[in-house]
Amino acid sequence: MQTFYNGLNGHARTTIDVATEGALMAISIDEAYDLLEEIVTNNYQWLVERLMHRRVARIHDVDAFSVLSAQRTALTKTLESFGINRLQSPFIACELCKDNHASH
């Protein structure tokens, strides 16, 4: 029983000590088993209830990925309107006469 008790976290120890109206180690082994059995029987859903708790979304809670995606889309549209997304081959004029032909 002592090994079990020493393995508990502080909150669990306090809960059990309150249930024993003192300390778990101050009662007999049979009383301790009966007490723990009663606690387990009555409170088997504690952990499940804590895990099922969901955070309620608030108006100002925004998914960062959605915001970045929207900004990227807006920026892409802006750049497209400027014609920046179009690739054009660079114009190379003849080095000798500056006409529109290669200088090979």
C-alpha atoms as a PDB file:
ATOM      1  CA  MET A   1       0.000   0.000   0.000  1.00  0.00           C
ATOM      2  CA  GLN A   2       2.878   2.350   0.774  1.00  0.00           C
ATOM      3  CA  THR A   3       4.398   1.805  -2.679  1.00  0.00           C
ATOM      4  CA  PHE A   4       1.044   2.635  -4.277  1.00  0.00           C
ATOM      5  CA  TYR A   5       0.604   5.740  -2.121  1.00  0.00           C
ATOM      6  CA  ASN A   6       4.140   6.985  -2.821  1.00  0.00           C
ATOM      7  CA  GLY A   7       3.525   6.633  -6.568  1.00  0.00           C
ATOM      8  CA  LEU A   8       0.574   9.025  -6.516  1.00  0.00           C
ATOM      9  CA  ASN A   9       0.863  12.671  -7.487  1.00  0.00           C
ATOM     10  CA  GLY A  10       0.196  15.361  -4.896  1.00  0.00           C
ATOM     11  CA  HIS A  11      -3.406  15.966  -5.925  1.00  0.00           C
ATOM     12  CA  ALA A  12      -4.298  12.266  -5.754  1.00  0.00           C
ATOM     13  CA  ARG A  13      -2.627  11.913  -2.341  1.00  0.00           C
ATOM     14  CA  THR A  14      -4.560  14.881  -0.998  1.00  0.00           C
ATOM     15  CA  THR A  15      -7.843  13.512  -2.351  1.00  0.00           C
ATOM     16  CA  ILE A  16      -7.255  10.123  -0.737  1.00  0.00           C
ATOM     17  CA  ASP A  17      -6.123  11.661   2.551  1.00  0.00           C
ATOM     18  CA  VAL A  18      -9.270  13.787   2.673  1.00  0.00           C
ATOM     19  CA  ALA A  19     -11.385  10.695   1.982  1.00  0.00           C
ATOM     20  CA  THR A  20      -9.706   8.878   4.893  1.00  0.00           C
ATOM     21  CA  GLU A  21     -10.184  11.916   7.146  1.00  0.00           C
ATOM     22  CA  GLY A  22      -6.479  11.851   7.859  1.00  0.00           C
ATOM     23  CA  ALA A  23      -3.878   9.804   6.047  1.00  0.00           C
ATOM     24  CA  LEU A  24      -4.195   6.629   3.995  1.00  0.00           C
ATOM     25  CA  MET A  25      -1.257   5.082   5.800  1.00  0.00           C
ATOM     26  CA  ALA A  26      -3.027   5.570   9.167  1.00  0.00           C
ATOM     27  CA  ILE A  27      -5.834   3.113   8.361  1.00  0.00           C
ATOM     28  CA  SER A  28      -5.682  -0.662   8.010  1.00  0.00           C
ATOM     29  CA  ILE A  29      -4.933  -2.329   4.676  1.00  0.00           C
ATOM     30  CA  ASP A  30      -8.488  -3.688   4.437  1.00  0.00           C
ATOM     31  CA  GLU A  31      -9.963  -0.236   5.084  1.00  0.00           C
ATOM     32  CA  ALA A  32      -7.592   1.264   2.512  1.00  0.00           C
ATOM     33  CA  TYR A  33      -8.599  -1.291  -0.151  1.00  0.00           C
ATOM     34  CA  ASP A  34     -12.294  -0.700   0.598  1.00  0.00           C
ATOM     35  CA  LEU A  35     -11.819   3.065   0.386  1.00  0.00           C
ATOM     36  CA  LEU A  36      -9.884   2.888  -2.883  1.00  0.00           C
ATOM     37  CA  GLU A  37     -12.448   0.490  -4.335  1.00  0.00           C
ATOM     38  CA  GLU A  38     -15.224   2.942  -3.441  1.00  0.00           C
ATOM     39  CA  ILE A  39     -13.322   5.864  -4.974  1.00  0.00           C
ATOM     40  CA  VAL A  40     -12.726   3.913  -8.186  1.00  0.00           C
ATOM     41  CA  THR A  41     -16.347   2.765  -8.363  1.00  0.00           C
ATOM     42  CA  ASN A  42     -17.756   6.250  -7.901  1.00  0.00           C
ATOM     43  CA  ASN A  43     -15.244   8.210  -9.947  1.00  0.00           C
ATOM     44  CA  TYR A  44     -14.243   5.999 -12.863  1.00  0.00           C
ATOM     45  CA  GLN A  45     -15.289   8.702 -15.346  1.00  0.00           C
ATOM     46  CA  TRP A  46     -13.172  11.547 -13.981  1.00  0.00           C
ATOM     47  CA  LEU A  47     -10.426  11.176 -16.557  1.00  0.00           C
ATOM     48  CA  VAL A  48     -12.871  10.642 -19.420  1.00  0.00           C
ATOM     49  CA  GLU A  49     -14.777  13.800 -18.501  1.00  0.00           C
ATOM     50  CA  ARG A  50     -11.551  15.804 -18.420  1.00  0.00           C
ATOM     51  CA  LEU A  51     -10.437  14.450 -21.796  1.00  0.00           C
ATOM     52  CA  MET A  52     -13.810  15.170 -23.395  1.00  0.00           C
ATOM     53  CA  HIS A  53     -13.715  18.857 -22.423  1.00  0.00           C
ATOM     54  CA  ARG A  54     -13.273  20.902 -25.538  1.00  0.00           C
ATOM     55  CA  ARG A  55     -12.221  24.475 -25.812  1.00  0.00           C
ATOM     56  CA  VAL A  56     -14.948  26.719 -27.118  1.00  0.00           C
ATOM     57  CA  ALA A  57     -13.803  28.796 -30.057  1.00  0.00           C
ATOM     58  CA  ARG A  58     -14.113  32.523 -29.590  1.00  0.00           C
ATOM     59  CA  ILE A  59     -14.702  35.194 -32.190  1.00  0.00           C
ATOM     60  CA  HIS A  60     -11.090  36.363 -32.102  1.00  0.00           C
ATOM     61  CA  ASP A  61      -9.601  32.867 -32.283  1.00  0.00           C
ATOM     62  CA  VAL A  62      -8.368  32.531 -35.840  1.00  0.00           C
ATOM     63  CA  ASP A  63      -6.501  29.723 -37.470  1.00  0.00           C
ATOM     64  CA  ALA A  64      -3.093  31.129 -38.432  1.00  0.00           C
ATOM     65  CA  PHE A  65      -2.889  28.899 -41.480  1.00  0.00           C
ATOM     66  CA  SER A  66      -6.174  30.282 -42.842  1.00  0.00           C
ATOM     67  CA  VAL A  67      -4.986  33.853 -42.364  1.00  0.00           C
ATOM     68  CA  LEU A  68      -1.677  33.200 -44.112  1.00  0.00           C
ATOM     69  CA  SER A  69      -3.439  31.386 -46.931  1.00  0.00           C
ATOM     70  CA  ALA A  70      -5.824  34.306 -47.465  1.00  0.00           C
ATOM     71  CA  GLN A  71      -2.935  36.791 -47.441  1.00  0.00           C
ATOM     72  CA  ARG A  72      -1.025  34.681 -49.960  1.00  0.00           C
ATOM     73  CA  THR A  73      -4.063  34.529 -52.243  1.00  0.00           C
ATOM     74  CA  ALA A  74      -4.556  38.298 -52.041  1.00  0.00           C
ATOM     75  CA  LEU A  75      -0.877  38.950 -52.746  1.00  0.00           C
ATOM     76  CA  THR A  76      -0.929  36.565 -55.702  1.00  0.00           C
ATOM     77  CA  LYS A  77      -3.938  38.364 -57.194  1.00  0.00           C
ATOM     78  CA  THR A  78      -2.237  41.727 -56.717  1.00  0.00           C
ATOM     79  CA  LEU A  79       0.926  40.534 -58.441  1.00  0.00           C
ATOM     80  CA  GLU A  80      -1.097  39.032 -61.286  1.00  0.00           C
ATOM     81  CA  SER A  81      -2.814  42.375 -61.828  1.00  0.00           C
ATOM     82  CA  PHE A  82       0.611  43.998 -62.273  1.00  0.00           C
ATOM     83  CA  GLY A  83       1.624  41.341 -64.781  1.00  0.00           C
ATOM     84  CA  ILE A  84       4.572  40.262 -62.648  1.00  0.00           C
ATOM     85  CA  ASN A  85       3.755  36.592 -62.949  1.00  0.00           C
ATOM     86  CA  ARG A  86       4.298  36.620 -66.727  1.00  0.00           C
ATOM     87  CA  LEU A  87       7.715  35.460 -67.799  1.00  0.00           C
ATOM     88  CA  GLN A  88       9.126  37.244 -70.795  1.00  0.00           C
ATOM     89  CA  SER A  89      12.346  36.382 -72.526  1.00  0.00           C
ATOM     90  CA  PRO A  90      14.858  39.151 -72.073  1.00  0.00           C
ATOM     91  CA  PHE A  91      15.393  41.372 -75.102  1.00  0.00           C
ATOM     92  CA  ILE A  92      18.999  41.334 -76.219  1.00  0.00           C
ATOM     93  CA  ALA A  93      19.925  43.855 -78.878  1.00  0.00           C
ATOM     94  CA  CYS A  94      22.861  43.520 -81.179  1.00  0.00           C
ATOM     95  CA  GLU A  95      25.945  44.854 -79.463  1.00  0.00           C
ATOM     96  CA  LEU A  96      27.226  46.447 -82.652  1.00  0.00           C
ATOM     97  CA  CYS A  97      24.183  48.122 -84.213  1.00  0.00           C
ATOM     98  CA  LYS A  98      21.651  47.926 -81.349  1.00  0.00           C
ATOM     99  CA  ASP A  99      19.118  46.339 -83.726  1.00  0.00           C
ATOM    100  CA  ASN A 100      16.696  43.537 -82.804  1.00  0.00           C
ATOM    101  CA  HIS A 101      18.905  40.551 -83.683  1.00  0.00           C
ATOM    102  CA  ALA A 102      21.588  38.496 -82.009  1.00  0.00           C
ATOM    103  CA  SER A 103      25.165  39.624 -82.336  1.00  0.00           C
ATOM    104  CA  HIS A 104      26.703  36.250 -83.207  1.00  0.00           C
END
